[in-house]
N, C-alpha and C. Protein backbone atom coordinates (compact mmCIF):
# COMPACT_ATOMS: atom_id res chain seq x y z
N MET A 1 11.16 -2.13 -1.81
CA MET A 1 11.06 -1.61 -3.28
C MET A 1 10.20 -2.52 -4.00
N PRO A 2 8.90 -1.04 -4.90
CA PRO A 2 7.29 -2.05 -5.60
C PRO A 2 8.00 -2.65 -6.78
N GLU A 3 7.25 -3.73 -7.05
CA GLU A 3 7.60 -4.75 -8.40
C GLU A 3 6.71 -3.89 -9.72
N LYS A 4 7.03 -4.44 -10.46
CA LYS A 4 7.32 -3.63 -11.99
C LYS A 4 6.06 -3.05 -12.37
N GLN A 5 5.04 -4.45 -12.05
CA GLN A 5 3.67 -4.60 -12.57
C GLN A 5 3.49 -4.02 -11.91
N THR A 6 3.66 -3.54 -10.21
CA THR A 6 2.74 -2.81 -9.65
C THR A 6 3.17 -1.19 -10.36
N LEU A 7 3.63 -0.66 -10.27
CA LEU A 7 4.55 0.64 -10.47
C LEU A 7 4.07 0.85 -12.34
N LYS A 8 3.55 0.02 -13.42
CA LYS A 8 3.26 -0.05 -14.37
C LYS A 8 1.40 0.37 -13.71
N ARG A 9 0.85 -0.45 -13.56
CA ARG A 9 -0.48 -0.39 -12.67
C ARG A 9 -0.60 0.95 -12.22
N ALA A 10 -0.20 1.17 -11.37
CA ALA A 10 -0.60 2.73 -10.76
C ALA A 10 -0.28 3.69 -11.72
N ARG A 11 1.12 3.96 -12.50
CA ARG A 11 1.14 4.66 -14.05
C ARG A 11 -0.54 4.42 -14.81
N GLU A 12 -0.69 3.41 -14.52
CA GLU A 12 -1.63 3.30 -15.45
C GLU A 12 -3.16 4.20 -14.80
N ALA A 13 -3.48 4.02 -13.70
CA ALA A 13 -4.42 4.67 -12.86
C ALA A 13 -4.62 5.94 -13.18
N LYS A 14 -2.59 6.27 -12.62
CA LYS A 14 -2.56 8.42 -12.89
C LYS A 14 -3.09 8.50 -14.26
N ARG A 15 -2.41 8.04 -15.45
CA ARG A 15 -3.24 8.40 -17.27
C ARG A 15 -4.92 7.89 -16.83
N ARG A 16 -5.57 7.41 -16.22
CA ARG A 16 -6.44 7.44 -16.71
C ARG A 16 -7.58 8.21 -15.87
N GLY A 17 -6.69 8.79 -14.74
CA GLY A 17 -7.38 10.14 -14.46
C GLY A 17 -7.71 9.71 -13.04
N LYS A 18 -7.22 7.86 -11.92
CA LYS A 18 -7.91 8.11 -11.05
C LYS A 18 -7.16 9.22 -9.72
N ARG A 19 -7.83 9.31 -8.91
CA ARG A 19 -7.75 9.66 -7.61
C ARG A 19 -6.60 9.28 -7.36
N PRO A 20 -5.89 9.90 -6.57
CA PRO A 20 -4.37 9.10 -5.80
C PRO A 20 -4.40 8.27 -5.15
N THR A 21 -5.68 8.29 -4.32
CA THR A 21 -5.85 6.57 -3.38
C THR A 21 -5.71 5.58 -4.23
N SER A 22 -6.47 5.93 -5.23
CA SER A 22 -6.39 4.79 -6.28
C SER A 22 -5.48 4.09 -6.86
N GLN A 23 -4.14 5.22 -6.98
CA GLN A 23 -2.96 5.37 -7.59
C GLN A 23 -2.48 3.97 -6.27
N ALA A 24 -2.45 4.40 -5.15
CA ALA A 24 -1.74 3.69 -3.86
C ALA A 24 -2.69 2.20 -3.31
N GLY A 25 -3.78 2.26 -4.06
CA GLY A 25 -4.55 1.38 -3.77
C GLY A 25 -3.95 0.25 -4.31
N GLU A 26 -2.60 -0.07 -5.27
CA GLU A 26 -2.26 -0.94 -6.52
C GLU A 26 -1.07 -1.20 -5.41
N PHE A 27 -0.51 -0.31 -4.18
CA PHE A 27 0.71 -0.85 -3.95
C PHE A 27 0.49 -1.43 -2.78
N VAL A 28 -0.59 -0.75 -2.11
CA VAL A 28 -1.77 -1.78 -0.64
C VAL A 28 -1.92 -3.47 -1.04
N ARG A 29 -2.28 -3.14 -2.44
CA ARG A 29 -2.79 -4.50 -2.98
C ARG A 29 -1.97 -5.61 -2.89
N GLU A 30 -0.26 -5.07 -3.70
CA GLU A 30 0.63 -5.72 -3.53
C GLU A 30 0.91 -6.26 -2.10
N GLU A 31 0.68 -5.43 -1.21
CA GLU A 31 1.62 -5.62 0.48
C GLU A 31 0.91 -6.83 0.73
N MET A 32 -0.85 -6.50 0.16
CA MET A 32 -1.29 -7.91 1.46
C MET A 32 -1.17 -9.30 0.33
N HIS A 33 -0.84 -8.95 -1.33
CA HIS A 33 -0.61 -10.55 -1.94
C HIS A 33 1.21 -10.59 -1.47
N HIS A 34 2.64 -10.44 -0.86
CA HIS A 34 2.68 -11.02 -0.32
C HIS A 34 2.71 -11.07 1.19
N ILE A 35 1.41 -10.91 1.74
CA ILE A 35 1.66 -11.16 3.23
C ILE A 35 0.84 -12.61 2.83
N ARG A 36 -0.34 -13.12 1.56
CA ARG A 36 -1.08 -13.95 1.85
C ARG A 36 -0.14 -15.28 0.87
N ALA A 37 1.22 -14.23 0.81
CA ALA A 37 1.88 -16.00 -0.55
C ALA A 37 3.18 -15.60 0.65
N GLY A 38 3.28 -15.34 1.86
CA GLY A 38 3.75 -15.80 3.00
C GLY A 38 5.14 -14.77 2.41
N LYS A 39 5.32 -13.75 2.30
CA LYS A 39 6.75 -13.47 2.50
C LYS A 39 7.09 -12.22 3.56
N HIS A 40 6.46 -11.82 4.25
CA HIS A 40 6.01 -11.22 5.16
C HIS A 40 4.83 -11.35 6.06
N GLY A 41 4.78 -10.78 7.30
CA GLY A 41 3.26 -10.70 7.93
C GLY A 41 3.58 -9.43 8.42
N ALA A 42 2.65 -9.24 8.97
CA ALA A 42 1.62 -7.71 9.00
C ALA A 42 1.03 -7.15 10.18
N ARG A 43 0.77 -6.78 11.08
CA ARG A 43 0.60 -6.94 12.74
C ARG A 43 -1.28 -7.08 12.66
N SER A 44 -1.19 -5.95 12.31
CA SER A 44 -2.97 -5.78 11.42
C SER A 44 -2.88 -5.46 9.99
N THR A 45 -4.71 -5.61 9.86
CA THR A 45 -4.91 -4.86 8.21
C THR A 45 -4.10 -3.50 8.39
N LYS A 46 -4.53 -2.81 9.24
CA LYS A 46 -4.05 -0.96 9.26
C LYS A 46 -2.70 -0.67 8.99
N GLN A 47 -1.22 -1.82 9.41
CA GLN A 47 0.15 -2.17 9.36
C GLN A 47 -0.07 -2.27 7.75
N ALA A 48 -0.80 -3.42 7.29
CA ALA A 48 -0.32 -3.55 5.86
C ALA A 48 -0.36 -2.67 5.09
N ILE A 49 -1.75 -2.04 5.54
CA ILE A 49 -2.02 -0.72 4.63
C ILE A 49 -0.91 0.39 5.00
N ALA A 50 -0.50 0.70 5.55
CA ALA A 50 0.19 1.89 5.91
C ALA A 50 1.74 1.55 5.17
N ILE A 51 2.06 0.08 5.20
CA ILE A 51 3.26 -0.73 4.37
C ILE A 51 3.33 0.06 2.95
N GLY A 52 1.44 -0.81 2.33
CA GLY A 52 1.03 0.13 1.39
C GLY A 52 1.53 0.89 0.53
N LEU A 53 1.42 2.10 1.70
CA LEU A 53 0.88 3.93 1.54
C LEU A 53 1.97 4.28 1.43
N SER A 54 3.09 3.60 2.61
CA SER A 54 4.17 4.16 2.27
C SER A 54 4.72 4.16 0.92
N LYS A 55 5.15 3.54 0.77
CA LYS A 55 5.35 2.53 -0.48
C LYS A 55 4.91 3.57 -1.77
N ALA A 56 4.25 3.84 -1.82
CA ALA A 56 3.66 4.67 -2.59
C ALA A 56 3.69 5.80 -2.72
N ARG A 57 3.74 6.66 -1.39
CA ARG A 57 4.43 8.01 -1.69
C ARG A 57 5.85 7.89 -1.66
N ARG A 58 6.39 7.24 -1.81
CA ARG A 58 8.11 6.93 -2.20
C ARG A 58 8.54 6.33 -3.45
N ALA A 59 6.65 6.20 -3.79
CA ALA A 59 6.85 6.24 -5.77
C ALA A 59 6.52 6.82 -6.08
N GLY A 60 6.35 8.06 -5.26
CA GLY A 60 5.91 9.08 -5.94
C GLY A 60 3.97 10.16 -6.47
N VAL A 61 3.63 8.96 -5.55
CA VAL A 61 2.07 9.26 -5.52
C VAL A 61 1.57 9.90 -4.86
N LYS A 62 1.10 11.25 -4.92
CA LYS A 62 0.40 12.22 -4.91
C LYS A 62 -0.49 11.96 -3.80
N LEU A 63 0.07 11.30 -2.38
CA LEU A 63 -1.02 11.06 -1.33
C LEU A 63 -1.24 12.59 -0.23
N GLY A 64 -1.74 12.98 0.21
CA GLY A 64 -2.30 13.91 1.12
C GLY A 64 -1.55 12.97 2.65
N PRO A 65 -1.50 14.27 3.48
CA PRO A 65 -1.14 13.96 4.67
C PRO A 65 -2.30 12.60 5.21
N PRO A 66 -1.55 12.02 6.45
CA PRO A 66 -2.52 11.04 6.89
C PRO A 66 -3.65 12.20 8.04
N PRO A 67 -5.03 11.87 8.34
CA PRO A 67 -5.46 12.00 9.21
C PRO A 67 -5.62 12.71 10.07
N LYS A 68 -6.28 13.44 10.92
CA LYS A 68 -5.82 14.62 12.06
C LYS A 68 -5.83 13.56 12.75
N GLY A 69 -6.33 12.55 13.06
CA GLY A 69 -6.07 11.42 14.83
C GLY A 69 -4.85 11.05 14.90
N THR A 70 -3.77 10.97 13.61
CA THR A 70 -3.02 9.49 13.80
C THR A 70 -2.00 10.27 14.76
N LYS A 71 -1.17 9.88 14.86
CA LYS A 71 0.30 10.36 16.18
C LYS A 71 1.31 11.27 15.55
N ALA A 72 1.95 11.62 15.78
CA ALA A 72 3.01 12.76 15.27
C ALA A 72 3.73 11.93 14.48
N LYS A 73 4.33 10.90 15.02
CA LYS A 73 5.68 9.89 14.62
C LYS A 73 4.81 9.39 12.89
N THR A 74 3.59 9.21 12.54
CA THR A 74 3.62 8.49 11.55
C THR A 74 3.29 9.72 10.31
N ARG A 75 2.46 10.85 11.00
CA ARG A 75 2.68 12.61 9.96
C ARG A 75 4.50 12.68 9.86
N GLN A 76 4.76 12.40 10.55
CA GLN A 76 6.06 12.17 9.84
C GLN A 76 6.72 11.88 9.56
N SER A 77 6.70 9.90 9.70
CA SER A 77 6.73 9.23 8.65
C SER A 77 6.56 9.87 7.33
N ALA A 78 5.08 9.56 6.89
CA ALA A 78 4.12 9.77 5.89
C ALA A 78 4.88 11.49 5.26
N ALA A 79 5.39 12.11 5.66
CA ALA A 79 6.60 13.42 5.48
C ALA A 79 7.53 13.25 5.22
N TYR A 80 8.29 12.28 5.75
CA TYR A 80 9.53 11.44 5.10
C TYR A 80 9.37 11.11 3.65
N ALA A 81 8.97 10.49 3.53
CA ALA A 81 8.25 9.00 2.64
C ALA A 81 8.18 10.36 1.27
N SER A 82 7.14 10.93 1.78
CA SER A 82 7.25 11.52 0.35
C SER A 82 8.14 12.09 -0.13
N ARG A 83 8.92 13.43 0.81
CA ARG A 83 10.14 13.80 0.30
C ARG A 83 11.26 12.59 0.06
N ALA A 84 11.12 11.64 -0.21
CA ALA A 84 12.27 10.59 -0.28
C ALA A 84 12.02 10.58 -2.06
N ALA A 85 10.25 10.71 -2.15
CA ALA A 85 9.51 10.53 -3.67
C ALA A 85 10.70 11.82 -4.62
N ARG A 86 10.49 13.02 -3.94
CA ARG A 86 11.27 13.81 -5.13
C ARG A 86 12.62 14.15 -4.63
N ARG A 87 13.48 13.32 -4.01
CA ARG A 87 14.86 12.71 -3.86
C ARG A 87 15.30 12.22 -4.62
N GLY A 88 14.60 10.82 -5.29
CA GLY A 88 14.59 10.44 -6.08
C GLY A 88 14.87 8.82 -5.74
N HIS A 89 15.91 7.82 -6.14
CA HIS A 89 15.58 6.52 -6.06
C HIS A 89 16.87 5.99 -5.64
N ARG A 90 17.67 5.88 -4.16
CA ARG A 90 18.70 5.53 -4.12
C ARG A 90 18.24 3.95 -3.57
N LYS A 91 19.14 3.38 -3.98
CA LYS A 91 19.24 1.65 -3.31
C LYS A 91 19.10 2.41 -1.31
N PRO A 92 17.96 1.75 -0.74
CA PRO A 92 18.38 1.64 0.17
C PRO A 92 19.61 0.71 1.39
N SER A 93 20.50 1.07 2.25
CA SER A 93 21.26 0.23 2.53
C SER A 93 21.08 -0.92 2.96
N ARG A 94 22.35 -1.61 2.59
CA ARG A 94 21.41 -3.17 2.99
C ARG A 94 21.50 -3.72 4.27
N THR A 95 22.10 -2.84 5.54
CA THR A 95 21.59 -2.69 6.39
C THR A 95 20.52 -2.86 7.24
N ARG A 96 20.01 -1.37 6.82
CA ARG A 96 18.10 -1.07 6.88
C ARG A 96 17.29 -1.94 6.07
N SER A 97 17.69 -2.46 4.66
CA SER A 97 17.06 -3.01 4.09
C SER A 97 16.41 -4.80 4.96
N ARG A 98 17.95 -5.62 5.73
CA ARG A 98 17.68 -6.27 6.30
C ARG A 98 16.63 -6.25 7.03
N ALA A 99 16.96 -5.26 8.32
CA ALA A 99 16.23 -4.77 9.84
C ALA A 99 15.03 -5.01 9.35
N ILE A 100 14.64 -4.49 7.95
CA ILE A 100 13.05 -4.36 7.51
C ILE A 100 12.50 -5.58 7.48
N VAL A 101 13.33 -7.08 6.36
CA VAL A 101 12.61 -7.56 6.15
C VAL A 101 12.72 -8.83 7.32
N ARG A 102 13.38 -8.60 8.56
CA ARG A 102 13.57 -9.21 9.21
C ARG A 102 12.50 -9.22 10.44
N ALA A 103 12.04 -7.48 10.43
CA ALA A 103 11.14 -7.08 11.35
C ALA A 103 9.35 -7.85 10.76
N LEU A 104 9.72 -7.72 9.77
CA LEU A 104 8.38 -7.64 8.80
C LEU A 104 7.86 -9.52 8.94
N LYS A 105 9.14 -9.98 8.77
CA LYS A 105 9.54 -11.80 8.85
C LYS A 105 8.55 -12.15 9.94
N ARG A 106 8.52 -11.37 11.30
CA ARG A 106 8.51 -11.67 12.65
C ARG A 106 6.86 -11.70 12.45
N GLU A 107 6.42 -10.60 12.26
CA GLU A 107 4.68 -10.63 12.00
C GLU A 107 4.12 -11.60 11.62
N PRO A 108 2.68 -11.83 12.05
CA PRO A 108 1.86 -12.55 12.02
C PRO A 108 1.38 -13.12 10.12
N ARG A 109 1.07 -13.64 10.09
CA ARG A 109 0.31 -13.95 8.69
C ARG A 109 -1.23 -13.30 8.49
N GLY A 110 -2.35 -13.15 9.36
CA GLY A 110 -2.93 -12.92 9.33
C GLY A 110 -4.02 -11.61 8.77
N ALA A 111 -3.64 -10.84 8.72
CA ALA A 111 -3.52 -9.78 8.36
C ALA A 111 -5.04 -9.50 6.76
N ALA A 112 -3.94 -10.12 5.67
CA ALA A 112 -4.26 -9.88 4.85
C ALA A 112 -5.92 -10.96 4.82
N HIS A 113 -5.38 -12.08 5.71
CA HIS A 113 -7.03 -12.24 5.17
C HIS A 113 -8.67 -12.27 6.46
N GLU A 114 -7.68 -10.95 6.92
CA GLU A 114 -7.99 -10.33 7.82
C GLU A 114 -9.32 -9.24 7.36
N ALA A 115 -8.72 -8.86 6.46
CA ALA A 115 -8.97 -7.43 5.61
C ALA A 115 -9.85 -7.67 4.74
N VAL A 116 -10.03 -8.82 4.55
CA VAL A 116 -11.57 -9.43 3.62
C VAL A 116 -12.04 -9.37 4.32
N ALA A 117 -12.01 -10.41 5.41
CA ALA A 117 -13.40 -10.80 6.32
C ALA A 117 -13.69 -9.72 7.66
N THR A 118 -13.47 -8.42 7.94
CA THR A 118 -13.59 -7.39 8.40
C THR A 118 -14.82 -6.42 7.27
N LYS A 119 -14.37 -6.79 6.14
CA LYS A 119 -15.34 -5.82 5.40
C LYS A 119 -17.09 -6.26 5.53
N GLY A 120 -17.42 -7.79 5.51
CA GLY A 120 -19.28 -8.05 5.24
C GLY A 120 -19.46 -7.80 4.34
N PRO A 121 -20.28 -9.23 3.94
CA PRO A 121 -20.79 -9.69 2.68
C PRO A 121 -21.27 -8.09 1.53
N ALA A 122 -22.36 -7.30 2.67
CA ALA A 122 -22.79 -6.11 2.16
C ALA A 122 -21.53 -5.61 1.18
N VAL A 123 -20.65 -4.98 2.14
CA VAL A 123 -19.07 -4.15 1.53
C VAL A 123 -18.74 -4.95 0.64
N ARG A 124 -18.92 -6.19 0.66
CA ARG A 124 -18.13 -7.09 -0.61
C ARG A 124 -18.75 -7.55 -1.32
N ARG A 125 -20.05 -6.88 -1.76
CA ARG A 125 -20.84 -7.09 -2.45
C ARG A 125 -20.88 -5.42 -3.53
N ALA A 126 -20.88 -4.59 -2.88
CA ALA A 126 -20.20 -3.47 -3.43
C ALA A 126 -19.46 -3.18 -4.27
N ALA A 127 -18.61 -4.03 -3.65
CA ALA A 127 -17.35 -3.31 -3.78
C ALA A 127 -17.41 -4.15 -5.57
N ALA A 128 -17.39 -6.02 -5.28
CA ALA A 128 -17.31 -6.46 -6.41
C ALA A 128 -17.92 -5.88 -8.42
N ARG A 129 -19.85 -5.24 -7.51
CA ARG A 129 -20.26 -4.43 -8.41
C ARG A 129 -19.81 -3.17 -8.95
N LYS A 130 -19.08 -2.08 -8.53
CA LYS A 130 -18.50 -1.27 -8.49
C LYS A 130 -17.20 -2.42 -9.54
N ALA A 131 -16.72 -3.07 -9.38
CA ALA A 131 -15.46 -3.17 -9.59
C ALA A 131 -16.22 -3.87 -11.16
N ALA A 132 -17.18 -4.59 -11.14
CA ALA A 132 -17.68 -5.23 -12.82
C ALA A 132 -17.76 -4.03 -13.99
N ALA A 133 -18.64 -2.79 -12.52
CA ALA A 133 -18.88 -1.43 -13.47
C ALA A 133 -17.62 -1.06 -14.16
N THR A 134 -16.80 -0.71 -13.13
CA THR A 134 -15.43 -0.40 -13.99
C THR A 134 -15.04 -0.64 -14.95
N ARG A 135 -14.82 -2.51 -15.62
CA ARG A 135 -14.95 -3.24 -16.14
C ARG A 135 -15.66 -2.81 -17.66
N ARG A 136 -16.58 -2.69 -16.94
CA ARG A 136 -17.00 -2.76 -18.38
C ARG A 136 -17.36 -1.39 -19.14
N ALA A 137 -16.88 0.26 -18.41
CA ALA A 137 -16.47 1.14 -19.13
C ALA A 137 -15.43 0.86 -19.29
N ALA A 138 -15.00 0.46 -18.85
CA ALA A 138 -12.91 0.42 -19.66
C ALA A 138 -13.24 -0.33 -20.65
């Protein structure tokens, strides 16, 4: 379950008219934060992002399907997560919840740091500039 603060930020982004990907970015950000804090790990940055996007879909963010090249299982999982949002929120079963947490705890912790490292200085600078411009506009 995403933190209340994350849900609040995502709703705020929606109110401001941001695209669904920007709304989902809050969930990805939360996931990266969890990895950095040592709550759990992820095999790769892609996995960390996928977990965040899945949480976003389940929270009701209207994200499109994954790109064409992805595995059928991934596409099916995304569709399932989107349907779960429409069904409403039920507390996940204790067994499943524990299984997910245990599996993630076995994963390495480097993925969140790798996400920053792989961007490169030019892209990081551009992102910082864009963030600063967004803050000025708000």
